Amino acid sequence: MKKIKILGLLAMSAVMLTGCVDAMPDMTTEQSDIVAEYAAGLLLKYSPNYNYRLVSDEELAAALAQENTIEEETESEAVTETEETKASSEETAKEQDETQQSTESAAEQIVQDVVDVDADLAVELGIDAEIALRYQSFEICDSYPQNASGFSGTDAKQGKKLLVLHFDLENTSDEVIPCNLYDASLKLRVNINQSVLAGALETPLLPDDLVSFAEDVAAKETKDLAVVFEIDELMDEEIETLTLQMFSADKSVSVIVR
């Protein structure tokens, strides 16, 4: 009954206001909004289709619990994705390491021809018929050359040593010949004590670098060329076995130095 009375009063007020528009005082925009909001609130409050109530504590707790569950699931998915990415990276690194080891093993198997330490390596590698290349000696040092003058030498890193192998390059002809070992694409490595492999350092600035040597050699002249390796800190007497492996464009050879 109370609802009907209030709705009737609102209807009558609307009719009276319609008939007395000229006598109605002017209102500001803010006042008009307040009146409209108040009227709308009354209509909603007494409308049979409007459920006018606050959310209960149980409903609020359930909504918060659901929100927390969604956040936990999102965080769990993010952690899972991070772990999967990490596992994938570790697997990739493992595969790369296995590939490198397989490549090194395959390269080592290529070196099958073991020659005498005094053999002519130029002949064995098919480099040039007019030169002879023979292993001479090796030394262990902290820098090479030890008395560098006019150019920069090579220094061993901390905790490392330089293993320098020396070779004799001889012009066996009676004429000056251009000798270009750079075009032979030589690659060298050493196997120390049957366990440690080390590849030759790139030292093109050294005037006696074997790999990059490209000069004219006078008739019957012999030049001292060298190849530098960086190894763990070892003394000469600690090297029980030393094997030199050399690769040219299409041949390979192994020399047991010690």
Protein backbone atom coordinates (compact mmCIF):
# COMPACT_ATOMS: atom_id res chain seq x y z
CA MET A 1 0.00 0.00 0.00
CA LYS A 2 2.86 2.35 0.85
CA LYS A 3 4.44 1.73 -2.55
CA ILE A 4 1.11 2.62 -4.32
CA LYS A 5 0.77 5.85 -2.36
CA ILE A 6 4.27 7.05 -3.18
CA LEU A 7 3.87 6.23 -6.88
CA GLY A 8 0.52 8.07 -6.89
CA LEU A 9 2.09 11.13 -5.29
CA LEU A 10 4.86 11.12 -7.91
CA ALA A 11 2.27 10.92 -10.73
CA MET A 12 0.21 13.77 -9.21
CA SER A 13 3.36 15.84 -8.78
CA ALA A 14 4.21 15.36 -12.42
CA VAL A 15 0.68 16.51 -13.49
CA MET A 16 0.78 19.55 -11.21
CA LEU A 17 4.23 20.47 -12.43
CA THR A 18 3.04 20.16 -16.02
CA GLY A 19 0.17 22.54 -15.38
CA CYS A 20 2.25 25.02 -13.46
CA VAL A 21 5.37 25.20 -15.52
CA ASP A 22 5.24 28.93 -15.69
CA ALA A 23 5.16 29.20 -11.88
CA MET A 24 7.97 26.67 -11.28
CA PRO A 25 11.16 28.31 -10.02
CA ASP A 26 14.35 28.00 -12.07
CA MET A 27 16.82 25.34 -10.87
CA THR A 28 20.48 24.94 -11.57
CA THR A 29 21.79 21.91 -13.45
CA GLU A 30 23.12 20.44 -10.22
CA GLN A 31 19.72 20.81 -8.49
CA SER A 32 17.94 19.19 -11.44
CA ASP A 33 20.35 16.21 -11.31
CA ILE A 34 19.73 15.76 -7.56
CA VAL A 35 15.92 15.74 -8.04
CA ALA A 36 16.20 13.28 -10.96
CA GLU A 37 18.49 10.97 -9.03
CA TYR A 38 16.18 11.01 -6.01
CA ALA A 39 13.12 10.22 -8.11
CA ALA A 40 14.91 7.39 -9.92
CA GLY A 41 16.00 5.93 -6.59
CA LEU A 42 12.44 5.88 -5.29
CA LEU A 43 11.16 4.19 -8.45
CA LEU A 44 13.84 1.49 -8.29
CA LYS A 45 13.37 0.95 -4.59
CA TYR A 46 9.64 0.18 -4.87
CA SER A 47 9.79 -1.62 -8.21
CA PRO A 48 8.80 -5.31 -7.80
CA ASN A 49 11.45 -6.31 -10.38
CA TYR A 50 14.40 -4.61 -8.60
CA ASN A 51 16.35 -6.71 -6.09
CA TYR A 52 17.58 -4.01 -3.69
CA ARG A 53 20.15 -5.60 -1.37
CA LEU A 54 23.89 -5.58 -0.52
CA VAL A 55 26.28 -8.45 -1.30
CA SER A 56 26.51 -10.86 1.60
CA ASP A 57 29.80 -11.70 3.38
CA GLU A 58 29.67 -15.24 1.99
CA GLU A 59 29.28 -14.01 -1.60
CA LEU A 60 32.10 -11.49 -1.16
CA ALA A 61 34.38 -14.20 0.26
CA ALA A 62 33.54 -16.53 -2.62
CA ALA A 63 34.28 -13.83 -5.20
CA LEU A 64 37.65 -13.04 -3.58
CA ALA A 65 38.52 -16.74 -3.42
CA GLN A 66 37.73 -17.14 -7.11
CA GLU A 67 39.90 -14.12 -7.97
CA ASN A 68 42.80 -15.54 -5.93
CA THR A 69 42.42 -18.90 -7.69
CA ILE A 70 42.63 -17.23 -11.10
CA GLU A 71 45.77 -15.30 -10.04
CA GLU A 72 47.42 -18.49 -8.70
CA GLU A 73 46.64 -20.37 -11.93
CA THR A 74 48.13 -17.49 -13.98
CA GLU A 75 51.31 -17.46 -11.85
CA SER A 76 51.58 -21.26 -12.08
CA GLU A 77 51.30 -21.12 -15.87
CA ALA A 78 54.01 -18.42 -16.01
CA VAL A 79 56.36 -20.53 -13.83
CA THR A 80 55.70 -23.60 -16.00
CA GLU A 81 56.49 -21.65 -19.18
CA THR A 82 59.72 -20.33 -17.61
CA GLU A 83 60.80 -23.84 -16.57
CA GLU A 84 59.99 -25.21 -20.05
CA THR A 85 62.01 -22.40 -21.68
CA LYS A 86 64.97 -23.08 -19.36
CA ALA A 87 64.80 -26.82 -20.04
CA SER A 88 64.67 -26.15 -23.77
CA SER A 89 67.74 -23.88 -23.56
CA GLU A 90 69.67 -26.49 -21.55
CA GLU A 91 68.72 -29.20 -24.06
CA THR A 92 69.87 -27.00 -26.95
CA ALA A 93 73.20 -26.30 -25.22
CA LYS A 94 73.64 -30.02 -24.55
CA GLU A 95 72.95 -30.86 -28.20
CA GLN A 96 75.44 -28.21 -29.35
CA ASP A 97 78.10 -29.61 -26.99
CA GLU A 98 77.46 -33.15 -28.21
CA THR A 99 77.66 -31.94 -31.82
CA GLN A 100 80.99 -30.22 -31.13
CA GLN A 101 82.37 -33.32 -29.44
CA SER A 102 81.16 -35.46 -32.33
CA THR A 103 82.80 -33.09 -34.82
CA GLU A 104 86.10 -33.18 -32.92
CA SER A 105 85.93 -36.95 -32.73
CA ALA A 106 85.25 -37.20 -36.47
CA ALA A 107 88.10 -34.81 -37.24
CA GLU A 108 90.43 -36.87 -35.07
CA GLN A 109 89.47 -40.03 -36.93
CA ILE A 110 90.39 -38.34 -40.22
CA VAL A 111 94.03 -38.14 -39.07
CA GLN A 112 95.15 -41.70 -39.77
CA ASP A 113 98.53 -41.30 -41.45
CA VAL A 114 101.22 -41.13 -38.78
CA VAL A 115 104.58 -40.06 -40.21
CA ASP A 116 108.07 -39.88 -38.80
CA VAL A 117 109.02 -36.72 -36.94
CA ASP A 118 111.64 -35.95 -39.61
CA ALA A 119 109.22 -36.38 -42.55
CA ASP A 120 108.77 -33.69 -45.20
CA LEU A 121 105.36 -32.32 -44.22
CA ALA A 122 105.06 -30.32 -47.44
CA VAL A 123 105.12 -33.57 -49.42
CA GLU A 124 102.76 -35.34 -47.01
CA LEU A 125 100.24 -32.49 -47.23
CA GLY A 126 100.69 -31.92 -50.96
CA ILE A 127 101.69 -28.26 -50.58
CA ASP A 128 104.61 -27.61 -52.95
CA ALA A 129 107.23 -29.81 -54.59
CA GLU A 130 109.90 -27.11 -54.43
CA ILE A 131 109.88 -26.57 -50.67
CA ALA A 132 110.52 -28.84 -47.72
CA LEU A 133 108.74 -28.38 -44.40
CA ARG A 134 109.98 -30.25 -41.34
CA TYR A 135 109.24 -30.13 -37.62
CA GLN A 136 112.17 -28.71 -35.64
CA SER A 137 111.40 -28.26 -31.90
CA PHE A 138 108.97 -26.92 -29.33
CA GLU A 139 109.14 -24.55 -26.36
CA ILE A 140 106.83 -23.46 -23.53
CA CYS A 141 106.77 -19.79 -22.62
CA ASP A 142 104.61 -16.94 -21.29
CA SER A 143 104.92 -14.78 -24.42
CA TYR A 144 106.14 -15.17 -27.98
CA PRO A 145 108.44 -13.95 -29.27
CA GLN A 146 110.09 -13.17 -25.97
CA ASN A 147 112.03 -10.25 -27.46
CA ALA A 148 109.49 -8.71 -29.80
CA SER A 149 110.75 -5.72 -31.75
CA GLY A 150 108.80 -3.71 -34.31
CA PHE A 151 105.57 -5.72 -33.87
CA SER A 152 103.25 -6.94 -31.17
CA GLY A 153 103.84 -10.38 -29.73
CA THR A 154 101.40 -12.87 -28.19
CA ASP A 155 100.95 -13.23 -24.42
CA ALA A 156 99.44 -16.17 -22.57
CA LYS A 157 96.35 -15.53 -20.47
CA GLN A 158 96.47 -15.85 -16.70
CA GLY A 159 96.84 -19.49 -15.69
CA LYS A 160 97.89 -20.46 -19.22
CA LYS A 161 101.09 -21.05 -21.15
CA LEU A 162 102.11 -20.79 -24.78
CA LEU A 163 103.29 -23.91 -26.58
CA VAL A 164 105.32 -22.86 -29.62
CA LEU A 165 106.22 -25.39 -32.33
CA HIS A 166 109.07 -24.48 -34.69
CA PHE A 167 109.44 -25.64 -38.28
CA ASP A 168 112.14 -25.40 -40.94
CA LEU A 169 110.91 -24.21 -44.33
CA GLU A 170 113.56 -24.80 -47.02
CA ASN A 171 113.64 -23.77 -50.65
CA THR A 172 115.10 -26.89 -52.25
CA SER A 173 115.40 -25.34 -55.72
CA ASP A 174 118.19 -23.24 -57.22
CA GLU A 175 115.88 -20.28 -57.83
CA VAL A 176 113.87 -17.81 -55.80
CA ILE A 177 110.35 -19.11 -55.42
CA PRO A 178 107.16 -17.47 -54.11
CA CYS A 179 105.97 -19.52 -51.15
CA ASN A 180 102.34 -18.99 -50.14
CA LEU A 181 101.29 -21.25 -47.27
CA TYR A 182 98.23 -19.10 -46.62
CA ASP A 183 96.53 -20.52 -49.73
CA ALA A 184 97.12 -24.04 -48.41
CA SER A 185 94.54 -23.32 -45.65
CA LEU A 186 96.56 -25.16 -43.04
CA LYS A 187 94.97 -26.06 -39.70
CA LEU A 188 97.01 -27.41 -36.80
CA ARG A 189 96.28 -28.78 -33.36
CA VAL A 190 98.13 -30.70 -30.69
CA ASN A 191 97.15 -33.59 -28.47
CA ILE A 192 98.91 -33.45 -25.09
CA ASN A 193 99.18 -36.51 -22.86
CA GLN A 194 96.44 -38.24 -24.89
CA SER A 195 93.77 -36.06 -23.30
CA VAL A 196 94.12 -32.35 -24.07
CA LEU A 197 93.40 -30.95 -27.53
CA ALA A 198 94.43 -27.40 -28.44
CA GLY A 199 94.03 -25.57 -31.74
CA ALA A 200 96.59 -23.17 -33.12
CA LEU A 201 96.11 -19.48 -32.34
CA GLU A 202 95.65 -17.03 -35.18
CA THR A 203 98.84 -14.93 -35.20
CA PRO A 204 99.05 -13.36 -38.68
CA LEU A 205 100.98 -10.36 -37.34
CA LEU A 206 103.94 -12.54 -36.43
CA PRO A 207 106.49 -12.46 -39.27
CA ASP A 208 107.30 -16.16 -38.79
CA ASP A 209 103.70 -17.42 -38.56
CA LEU A 210 103.53 -20.71 -40.47
CA VAL A 211 99.82 -20.60 -41.35
CA SER A 212 99.89 -17.12 -42.90
CA PHE A 213 103.42 -17.19 -44.37
CA ALA A 214 103.52 -15.72 -47.90
CA GLU A 215 106.95 -14.55 -49.05
CA ASP A 216 109.63 -15.16 -51.65
CA VAL A 217 112.25 -17.63 -50.45
CA ALA A 218 115.76 -17.46 -51.88
CA ALA A 219 117.42 -20.51 -53.41
CA LYS A 220 118.51 -23.03 -50.76
CA GLU A 221 117.32 -20.65 -48.02
CA THR A 222 115.81 -22.02 -44.83
CA LYS A 223 113.36 -20.05 -42.72
CA ASP A 224 112.31 -20.68 -39.12
CA LEU A 225 108.50 -20.65 -38.93
CA ALA A 226 106.36 -21.16 -35.85
CA VAL A 227 102.86 -22.09 -34.71
CA VAL A 228 101.53 -20.93 -31.32
CA PHE A 229 99.11 -22.86 -29.08
CA GLU A 230 97.65 -21.77 -25.74
CA ILE A 231 97.57 -24.61 -23.20
CA ASP A 232 97.08 -25.17 -19.49
CA GLU A 233 99.98 -24.19 -17.29
CA LEU A 234 102.41 -27.08 -17.82
CA MET A 235 106.14 -27.54 -17.59
CA ASP A 236 108.19 -29.22 -20.30
CA GLU A 237 108.78 -32.31 -18.19
CA GLU A 238 105.03 -32.70 -17.55
CA ILE A 239 104.38 -33.34 -21.23
CA GLU A 240 104.70 -37.11 -21.60
CA THR A 241 103.21 -37.36 -25.09
CA LEU A 242 102.77 -34.66 -27.72
CA THR A 243 101.16 -35.33 -31.08
CA LEU A 244 100.86 -32.73 -33.84
CA GLN A 245 97.94 -32.99 -36.24
CA MET A 246 98.04 -31.02 -39.51
CA PHE A 247 95.27 -30.52 -42.07
CA SER A 248 95.57 -29.04 -45.55
CA ALA A 249 92.72 -28.50 -48.02
CA ASP A 250 92.42 -32.22 -48.83
CA LYS A 251 95.04 -34.10 -46.81
CA SER A 252 95.93 -34.66 -43.17
CA VAL A 253 98.86 -36.05 -41.25
CA SER A 254 99.81 -36.84 -37.66
CA VAL A 255 103.32 -36.41 -36.22
CA ILE A 256 104.34 -37.90 -32.87
CA VAL A 257 106.61 -35.18 -31.50
CA ARG A 258 107.20 -36.83 -28.12
